[in-house]
Amino acid sequence: MKRIFLLLVVTLVLGGCAAEPAQPALAPSGKIIWVELDRMRLILYENGKEMARFPIAAGARNSPTPVGIFHINRRYVTELSGFGTRFMGLNVNFGDFGIHGTNKPASIGGHFSHGCIRMRIPDAEKLYSLTGYGTKVIIDGGPYGAFTNGLRTLSPGDRGSDVKEMQLRLIRHGFLHGWPDGVFGENTKKAVIAARQHFGLPTGDTADYTLLTKLGIMQFE
C-alpha cells in the first residue's frame, strides 16, 4: 500500500502515469532527481528524459534514508572529506540529510550511511554541476516504503520516515494528537506508552515489532 501511495503521489506531481518508477511519463519542465532505494540507484531526468544514472549507498537499518518528495535547499563545495567534495542538502523536516560524495567508495551499493545518499565523488560532482537550488528529489523506498530496512524498534530520540508513519498510526488510533513530524519526542513517547497499555503489551516507551503490527504496520511477501 505504501508503494502504491508513493507512486500515486509521484504520478500527480509528474502529471501523468508511471508504470515503471524509473521512467516517469509527462514530467513537467525541469529536472527531477529520482532515488530508488531498493535498486540502490539515482536517476536524473530533465523534461521526462533520462540524463544520467548513478549507483548509490543509503541509510543503515538504524539510520534509514527518508522517503518522500523533497527539494535541494542548500549546496556547497568542500575539500575532500566524509562528504566527498560536493553536498546537496534536502529540506527534510526531521533531520539533516543530503546527497553527497564519499571517501568510502566501497560503501556504494549498500546500507551504510546515517541516512544521506552517498555517491562516488566524480558522480556527485557531475550531479552537482547539473542541478541547483529547488531541484525536486523523489526518494522511493521500494515496496516497503518508509520501512525499507525492515521494522526496526523505534525509541525516544529516533528520527525518520518510519517514525512519521508510526505517528500517523498513533494519531489514527487516538493515542497521539497533533502533526506527525518524524521525531520521537516526548508526546510520541507518551502516546507509545498509552498504546502499549491499550494493547496489553509489557510496559515500556519503545515501539517494537509487536506494537507496530498492532498499529497496522506490517511487512509481508
Foldseek 3Di string as FASTA:
>chain_A
DLLVVQQVVVCVQQVHHDPDQVQHPNGDADKEWEAEQVQQKIFIDGRRHTDDMFGKEFADQQQGAAAFKWWFADKDADDQDQQGGIWTWTPQQFDTETEGEGPCQVRGPYHDDNHYIYGHNVVRVVVPVVDDGGHMYGYALPPQGQNSVHFAKAAAAGFHNVQLVVQVLLVVVPLADDHRRRHRHDRVQSSQQVQCVVVVHDGDRICGPVSCVVSVRDDDD
